[in-house]
Amino acid sequence: MATARDIMTSDVTCIGEKEPLSEAAHKMADLDVGSLPICGDDNRLKGMITDRDIVVKVLAQDRDPATVTAGELSQGKPVTIGADDDAAEILRTMSQHKVRRLPVIDGHRLVGMVAIADVARALPDRPVGDLMDAITQ
């Protein structure tokens, strides 16, 4: 069975935890993505930021995205998947946490991102359909 390392996107751009959300928004626009991993000065994953986070937690509350840092919005321990975990584990983790993308970690280092589309390409239809049902409920 395919592993996260086999199906992930390895070209991942982080937003630094001390960088402003305006920079995160620019990176998302430039990369045409809806989320970015938040990385610390120690190169460890600190969380994830989504375009929705910026809108709901900053803009809708009349906060200035040029002064709010990415680290201020990281909450708790990020949900991740190990680089050598198989596709079934990816599905279980996505279903359990109701997420559509997961940072892929090798040791403590971020090595990629795996999205539901990556899993869909790697597996038969039924498990992916079950995942979509779990995420969208």
N, C-alpha and C. Protein backbone atom coordinates (compact mmCIF):
# COMPACT_ATOMS: atom_id res chain seq x y z
N MET A 1 0.85 -1.18 0.00
CA MET A 1 0.00 0.00 0.00
C MET A 1 0.89 1.24 0.00
N ALA A 2 0.44 2.26 -0.68
CA ALA A 2 1.21 3.51 -0.79
C ALA A 2 1.37 4.16 0.58
N THR A 3 2.52 4.80 0.77
CA THR A 3 2.77 5.54 2.01
C THR A 3 2.61 7.03 1.76
N ALA A 4 2.57 7.78 2.83
CA ALA A 4 2.48 9.24 2.72
C ALA A 4 3.63 9.78 1.88
N ARG A 5 4.81 9.24 2.07
CA ARG A 5 5.98 9.68 1.31
C ARG A 5 5.78 9.46 -0.19
N ASP A 6 5.07 8.39 -0.55
CA ASP A 6 4.84 8.06 -1.95
C ASP A 6 3.86 9.02 -2.62
N ILE A 7 2.89 9.52 -1.87
CA ILE A 7 1.80 10.29 -2.50
C ILE A 7 1.79 11.77 -2.12
N MET A 8 2.67 12.18 -1.23
CA MET A 8 2.66 13.57 -0.76
C MET A 8 3.22 14.53 -1.81
N THR A 9 2.93 15.79 -1.59
CA THR A 9 3.59 16.87 -2.31
C THR A 9 4.77 17.28 -1.46
N SER A 10 5.97 17.19 -2.01
CA SER A 10 7.16 17.45 -1.19
C SER A 10 7.61 18.91 -1.23
N ASP A 11 7.13 19.66 -2.17
CA ASP A 11 7.50 21.08 -2.28
C ASP A 11 6.56 21.90 -1.41
N VAL A 12 6.91 22.05 -0.13
CA VAL A 12 6.04 22.71 0.84
C VAL A 12 6.65 24.03 1.27
N THR A 13 5.82 25.07 1.25
CA THR A 13 6.24 26.40 1.71
C THR A 13 5.60 26.66 3.06
N CYS A 14 6.41 27.04 4.03
CA CYS A 14 5.92 27.38 5.38
C CYS A 14 5.74 28.89 5.51
N ILE A 15 4.94 29.27 6.47
CA ILE A 15 4.90 30.64 6.95
C ILE A 15 5.56 30.60 8.33
N GLY A 16 6.47 31.49 8.58
CA GLY A 16 7.13 31.53 9.88
C GLY A 16 6.15 31.96 10.97
N GLU A 17 6.31 31.42 12.15
CA GLU A 17 5.38 31.73 13.24
C GLU A 17 5.40 33.21 13.62
N LYS A 18 6.49 33.92 13.29
CA LYS A 18 6.57 35.34 13.63
C LYS A 18 6.19 36.25 12.46
N GLU A 19 5.87 35.65 11.31
CA GLU A 19 5.49 36.44 10.14
C GLU A 19 4.03 36.88 10.24
N PRO A 20 3.72 38.05 9.68
CA PRO A 20 2.34 38.54 9.74
C PRO A 20 1.42 37.75 8.81
N LEU A 21 0.15 37.74 9.14
CA LEU A 21 -0.83 37.03 8.33
C LEU A 21 -0.99 37.65 6.95
N SER A 22 -0.66 38.92 6.80
CA SER A 22 -0.70 39.51 5.46
C SER A 22 0.29 38.78 4.55
N GLU A 23 1.45 38.40 5.09
CA GLU A 23 2.43 37.64 4.32
C GLU A 23 1.90 36.24 4.01
N ALA A 24 1.22 35.63 4.97
CA ALA A 24 0.62 34.31 4.73
C ALA A 24 -0.39 34.39 3.59
N ALA A 25 -1.20 35.43 3.60
CA ALA A 25 -2.20 35.60 2.54
C ALA A 25 -1.54 35.77 1.17
N HIS A 26 -0.46 36.54 1.12
CA HIS A 26 0.27 36.72 -0.14
C HIS A 26 0.86 35.40 -0.63
N LYS A 27 1.43 34.62 0.30
CA LYS A 27 2.01 33.32 -0.08
C LYS A 27 0.92 32.38 -0.60
N MET A 28 -0.23 32.37 0.09
CA MET A 28 -1.33 31.51 -0.36
C MET A 28 -1.78 31.91 -1.76
N ALA A 29 -1.89 33.20 -2.01
CA ALA A 29 -2.30 33.67 -3.34
C ALA A 29 -1.27 33.30 -4.40
N ASP A 30 0.00 33.52 -4.09
CA ASP A 30 1.06 33.22 -5.05
C ASP A 30 1.13 31.73 -5.38
N LEU A 31 0.90 30.89 -4.36
CA LEU A 31 1.00 29.44 -4.53
C LEU A 31 -0.33 28.80 -4.94
N ASP A 32 -1.41 29.59 -4.91
CA ASP A 32 -2.76 29.11 -5.21
C ASP A 32 -3.14 27.94 -4.30
N VAL A 33 -2.95 28.17 -2.97
CA VAL A 33 -3.32 27.18 -1.96
C VAL A 33 -4.19 27.85 -0.91
N GLY A 34 -4.90 27.04 -0.15
CA GLY A 34 -5.79 27.56 0.88
C GLY A 34 -5.27 27.39 2.29
N SER A 35 -4.08 26.82 2.43
CA SER A 35 -3.51 26.66 3.77
C SER A 35 -1.99 26.59 3.66
N LEU A 36 -1.36 26.90 4.79
CA LEU A 36 0.10 26.82 4.89
C LEU A 36 0.47 26.24 6.25
N PRO A 37 1.53 25.46 6.30
CA PRO A 37 2.05 25.05 7.60
C PRO A 37 2.75 26.24 8.26
N ILE A 38 2.66 26.31 9.57
CA ILE A 38 3.35 27.33 10.35
C ILE A 38 4.59 26.67 10.93
N CYS A 39 5.76 27.22 10.61
CA CYS A 39 7.03 26.66 11.09
C CYS A 39 7.72 27.63 12.02
N GLY A 40 8.36 27.07 13.03
CA GLY A 40 9.09 27.90 14.00
C GLY A 40 10.52 28.11 13.58
N ASP A 41 11.23 28.93 14.34
CA ASP A 41 12.64 29.18 14.09
C ASP A 41 13.47 27.90 14.21
N ASP A 42 12.93 26.92 14.94
CA ASP A 42 13.61 25.64 15.12
C ASP A 42 13.28 24.65 13.99
N ASN A 43 12.59 25.14 12.94
CA ASN A 43 12.18 24.33 11.79
C ASN A 43 11.20 23.22 12.14
N ARG A 44 10.52 23.37 13.25
CA ARG A 44 9.49 22.41 13.63
C ARG A 44 8.12 22.97 13.30
N LEU A 45 7.22 22.07 12.97
CA LEU A 45 5.85 22.45 12.65
C LEU A 45 5.14 22.95 13.90
N LYS A 46 4.56 24.13 13.82
CA LYS A 46 3.86 24.72 14.96
C LYS A 46 2.34 24.69 14.78
N GLY A 47 1.89 24.50 13.55
CA GLY A 47 0.46 24.47 13.28
C GLY A 47 0.19 24.66 11.81
N MET A 48 -1.08 24.91 11.52
CA MET A 48 -1.52 25.17 10.15
C MET A 48 -2.37 26.45 10.18
N ILE A 49 -2.31 27.19 9.09
CA ILE A 49 -3.15 28.38 8.95
C ILE A 49 -3.91 28.23 7.63
N THR A 50 -5.18 28.56 7.66
CA THR A 50 -6.00 28.47 6.45
C THR A 50 -6.48 29.87 6.06
N ASP A 51 -6.90 29.97 4.81
CA ASP A 51 -7.47 31.24 4.36
C ASP A 51 -8.72 31.58 5.19
N ARG A 52 -9.45 30.56 5.58
CA ARG A 52 -10.64 30.77 6.42
C ARG A 52 -10.25 31.33 7.79
N ASP A 53 -9.16 30.83 8.37
CA ASP A 53 -8.67 31.36 9.65
C ASP A 53 -8.42 32.86 9.55
N ILE A 54 -7.79 33.27 8.47
CA ILE A 54 -7.48 34.70 8.29
C ILE A 54 -8.76 35.52 8.21
N VAL A 55 -9.73 35.02 7.48
CA VAL A 55 -10.99 35.76 7.33
C VAL A 55 -11.77 35.79 8.63
N VAL A 56 -11.99 34.62 9.24
CA VAL A 56 -12.87 34.53 10.41
C VAL A 56 -12.22 35.06 11.69
N LYS A 57 -10.94 34.76 11.90
CA LYS A 57 -10.29 35.09 13.16
C LYS A 57 -9.56 36.43 13.15
N VAL A 58 -9.42 37.02 11.96
CA VAL A 58 -8.69 38.29 11.88
C VAL A 58 -9.56 39.36 11.22
N LEU A 59 -9.84 39.20 9.94
CA LEU A 59 -10.58 40.23 9.22
C LEU A 59 -11.98 40.46 9.79
N ALA A 60 -12.72 39.40 10.08
CA ALA A 60 -14.08 39.54 10.60
C ALA A 60 -14.11 40.15 12.00
N GLN A 61 -12.97 40.12 12.68
CA GLN A 61 -12.88 40.72 14.02
C GLN A 61 -12.17 42.06 13.99
N ASP A 62 -12.05 42.62 12.79
CA ASP A 62 -11.43 43.93 12.59
C ASP A 62 -10.01 44.01 13.14
N ARG A 63 -9.29 42.89 13.05
CA ARG A 63 -7.88 42.87 13.43
C ARG A 63 -7.05 43.12 12.18
N ASP A 64 -5.87 43.63 12.35
CA ASP A 64 -5.00 43.98 11.24
C ASP A 64 -4.09 42.80 10.88
N PRO A 65 -4.25 42.21 9.68
CA PRO A 65 -3.43 41.07 9.31
C PRO A 65 -1.94 41.40 9.17
N ALA A 66 -1.61 42.68 9.13
CA ALA A 66 -0.20 43.08 9.07
C ALA A 66 0.45 43.05 10.45
N THR A 67 -0.36 42.98 11.51
CA THR A 67 0.20 42.97 12.86
C THR A 67 -0.04 41.67 13.61
N VAL A 68 -0.98 40.84 13.13
CA VAL A 68 -1.23 39.54 13.76
C VAL A 68 -0.28 38.52 13.13
N THR A 69 0.42 37.77 13.95
CA THR A 69 1.38 36.79 13.41
C THR A 69 0.71 35.43 13.23
N ALA A 70 1.31 34.64 12.37
CA ALA A 70 0.81 33.29 12.13
C ALA A 70 0.81 32.48 13.42
N GLY A 71 1.84 32.64 14.22
CA GLY A 71 1.93 31.91 15.47
C GLY A 71 0.80 32.20 16.44
N GLU A 72 0.24 33.41 16.36
CA GLU A 72 -0.88 33.75 17.24
C GLU A 72 -2.11 32.91 16.95
N LEU A 73 -2.22 32.40 15.74
CA LEU A 73 -3.39 31.60 15.39
C LEU A 73 -3.16 30.10 15.47
N SER A 74 -1.91 29.68 15.70
CA SER A 74 -1.68 28.24 15.83
C SER A 74 -2.23 27.79 17.18
N GLN A 75 -3.00 26.71 17.15
CA GLN A 75 -3.67 26.25 18.36
C GLN A 75 -3.37 24.79 18.60
N GLY A 76 -2.86 24.46 19.77
CA GLY A 76 -2.62 23.07 20.13
C GLY A 76 -1.59 22.41 19.24
N LYS A 77 -1.53 21.10 19.37
CA LYS A 77 -0.57 20.31 18.58
C LYS A 77 -1.19 20.03 17.21
N PRO A 78 -0.45 20.32 16.14
CA PRO A 78 -1.01 20.07 14.81
C PRO A 78 -1.20 18.58 14.54
N VAL A 79 -2.23 18.25 13.79
CA VAL A 79 -2.47 16.88 13.37
C VAL A 79 -1.54 16.59 12.21
N THR A 80 -0.76 15.52 12.30
CA THR A 80 0.21 15.18 11.27
C THR A 80 0.11 13.70 10.93
N ILE A 81 0.86 13.32 9.93
CA ILE A 81 0.99 11.92 9.55
C ILE A 81 2.48 11.64 9.35
N GLY A 82 2.92 10.46 9.70
CA GLY A 82 4.31 10.08 9.49
C GLY A 82 4.58 9.76 8.03
N ALA A 83 5.78 10.05 7.57
CA ALA A 83 6.14 9.84 6.17
C ALA A 83 5.99 8.39 5.75
N ASP A 84 6.17 7.46 6.66
CA ASP A 84 6.09 6.05 6.30
C ASP A 84 4.75 5.41 6.66
N ASP A 85 3.78 6.23 7.12
CA ASP A 85 2.44 5.70 7.38
C ASP A 85 1.75 5.41 6.06
N ASP A 86 0.96 4.35 6.06
CA ASP A 86 0.31 3.95 4.80
C ASP A 86 -0.99 4.72 4.56
N ALA A 87 -1.53 4.53 3.37
CA ALA A 87 -2.72 5.28 2.95
C ALA A 87 -3.91 5.01 3.87
N ALA A 88 -4.02 3.79 4.39
CA ALA A 88 -5.12 3.48 5.31
C ALA A 88 -5.02 4.34 6.57
N GLU A 89 -3.80 4.53 7.08
CA GLU A 89 -3.60 5.38 8.26
C GLU A 89 -3.91 6.85 7.93
N ILE A 90 -3.54 7.27 6.74
CA ILE A 90 -3.86 8.63 6.31
C ILE A 90 -5.38 8.83 6.33
N LEU A 91 -6.11 7.86 5.78
CA LEU A 91 -7.57 7.94 5.76
C LEU A 91 -8.15 7.98 7.17
N ARG A 92 -7.63 7.11 8.05
CA ARG A 92 -8.12 7.09 9.43
C ARG A 92 -7.89 8.44 10.11
N THR A 93 -6.70 9.00 9.92
CA THR A 93 -6.36 10.27 10.57
C THR A 93 -7.22 11.40 10.01
N MET A 94 -7.38 11.46 8.69
CA MET A 94 -8.22 12.50 8.09
C MET A 94 -9.66 12.37 8.58
N SER A 95 -10.17 11.15 8.63
CA SER A 95 -11.55 10.92 9.08
C SER A 95 -11.72 11.32 10.54
N GLN A 96 -10.81 10.88 11.38
CA GLN A 96 -10.90 11.14 12.82
C GLN A 96 -10.88 12.63 13.12
N HIS A 97 -10.03 13.37 12.42
CA HIS A 97 -9.86 14.80 12.71
C HIS A 97 -10.63 15.70 11.75
N LYS A 98 -11.33 15.08 10.78
CA LYS A 98 -12.14 15.81 9.80
C LYS A 98 -11.34 16.90 9.10
N VAL A 99 -10.20 16.48 8.56
CA VAL A 99 -9.33 17.39 7.81
C VAL A 99 -9.13 16.86 6.39
N ARG A 100 -8.79 17.76 5.49
CA ARG A 100 -8.62 17.40 4.08
C ARG A 100 -7.17 17.38 3.66
N ARG A 101 -6.28 17.84 4.53
CA ARG A 101 -4.85 17.81 4.22
C ARG A 101 -4.08 17.63 5.52
N LEU A 102 -2.94 16.96 5.40
CA LEU A 102 -2.11 16.68 6.57
C LEU A 102 -0.65 16.99 6.27
N PRO A 103 0.02 17.64 7.21
CA PRO A 103 1.47 17.78 7.09
C PRO A 103 2.11 16.40 7.29
N VAL A 104 3.13 16.11 6.51
CA VAL A 104 3.85 14.84 6.59
C VAL A 104 5.17 15.10 7.30
N ILE A 105 5.40 14.34 8.37
CA ILE A 105 6.56 14.53 9.24
C ILE A 105 7.48 13.31 9.15
N ASP A 106 8.77 13.58 9.06
CA ASP A 106 9.78 12.53 9.15
C ASP A 106 10.64 12.89 10.36
N GLY A 107 10.46 12.16 11.44
CA GLY A 107 11.08 12.57 12.71
C GLY A 107 10.34 13.81 13.20
N HIS A 108 11.07 14.92 13.29
CA HIS A 108 10.44 16.20 13.67
C HIS A 108 10.44 17.18 12.51
N ARG A 109 10.83 16.71 11.33
CA ARG A 109 10.99 17.59 10.17
C ARG A 109 9.80 17.48 9.22
N LEU A 110 9.27 18.62 8.81
CA LEU A 110 8.21 18.66 7.82
C LEU A 110 8.80 18.31 6.46
N VAL A 111 8.25 17.26 5.82
CA VAL A 111 8.80 16.83 4.53
C VAL A 111 7.79 16.95 3.39
N GLY A 112 6.53 17.22 3.73
CA GLY A 112 5.54 17.33 2.67
C GLY A 112 4.14 17.54 3.20
N MET A 113 3.20 17.56 2.27
CA MET A 113 1.77 17.67 2.59
C MET A 113 1.05 16.60 1.79
N VAL A 114 0.07 15.98 2.41
CA VAL A 114 -0.77 15.04 1.69
C VAL A 114 -2.20 15.55 1.77
N ALA A 115 -2.84 15.65 0.62
CA ALA A 115 -4.21 16.15 0.53
C ALA A 115 -5.13 15.01 0.15
N ILE A 116 -6.40 15.22 0.37
CA ILE A 116 -7.38 14.20 0.04
C ILE A 116 -7.29 13.81 -1.43
N ALA A 117 -6.97 14.76 -2.30
CA ALA A 117 -6.83 14.45 -3.73
C ALA A 117 -5.67 13.48 -3.96
N ASP A 118 -4.60 13.61 -3.18
CA ASP A 118 -3.47 12.69 -3.30
C ASP A 118 -3.90 11.26 -2.94
N VAL A 119 -4.67 11.16 -1.86
CA VAL A 119 -5.16 9.86 -1.42
C VAL A 119 -6.13 9.29 -2.46
N ALA A 120 -6.98 10.14 -3.00
CA ALA A 120 -7.95 9.69 -4.00
C ALA A 120 -7.27 9.07 -5.21
N ARG A 121 -6.16 9.66 -5.62
CA ARG A 121 -5.42 9.13 -6.77
C ARG A 121 -4.74 7.80 -6.45
N ALA A 122 -4.45 7.55 -5.17
CA ALA A 122 -3.68 6.37 -4.79
C ALA A 122 -4.53 5.17 -4.38
N LEU A 123 -5.83 5.38 -4.11
CA LEU A 123 -6.66 4.30 -3.57
C LEU A 123 -7.89 4.04 -4.43
N PRO A 124 -8.51 2.86 -4.24
CA PRO A 124 -9.78 2.59 -4.91
C PRO A 124 -10.87 3.54 -4.41
N ASP A 125 -11.95 3.63 -5.13
CA ASP A 125 -13.01 4.60 -4.86
C ASP A 125 -13.66 4.47 -3.49
N ARG A 126 -13.96 3.29 -3.01
CA ARG A 126 -14.76 3.12 -1.79
C ARG A 126 -14.14 3.80 -0.55
N PRO A 127 -12.86 3.56 -0.21
CA PRO A 127 -12.31 4.22 0.97
C PRO A 127 -12.34 5.75 0.87
N VAL A 128 -12.15 6.27 -0.31
CA VAL A 128 -12.16 7.72 -0.49
C VAL A 128 -13.58 8.25 -0.28
N GLY A 129 -14.56 7.54 -0.79
CA GLY A 129 -15.95 7.93 -0.57
C GLY A 129 -16.31 7.94 0.90
N ASP A 130 -15.85 6.93 1.63
CA ASP A 130 -16.10 6.87 3.08
C ASP A 130 -15.45 8.06 3.78
N LEU A 131 -14.24 8.43 3.35
CA LEU A 131 -13.54 9.58 3.94
C LEU A 131 -14.34 10.86 3.68
N MET A 132 -14.78 11.05 2.45
CA MET A 132 -15.54 12.26 2.12
C MET A 132 -16.80 12.34 2.98
N ASP A 133 -17.47 11.22 3.19
CA ASP A 133 -18.65 11.19 4.05
C ASP A 133 -18.30 11.63 5.47
N ALA A 134 -17.19 11.12 6.00
CA ALA A 134 -16.77 11.43 7.37
C ALA A 134 -16.41 12.89 7.53
N ILE A 135 -15.71 13.44 6.55
CA ILE A 135 -15.24 14.83 6.64
C ILE A 135 -16.38 15.82 6.51
N THR A 136 -17.35 15.53 5.65
CA THR A 136 -18.39 16.51 5.35
C THR A 136 -19.60 16.44 6.25
N GLN A 137 -19.61 15.53 7.22
CA GLN A 137 -20.76 15.45 8.13
C GLN A 137 -20.67 16.50 9.21
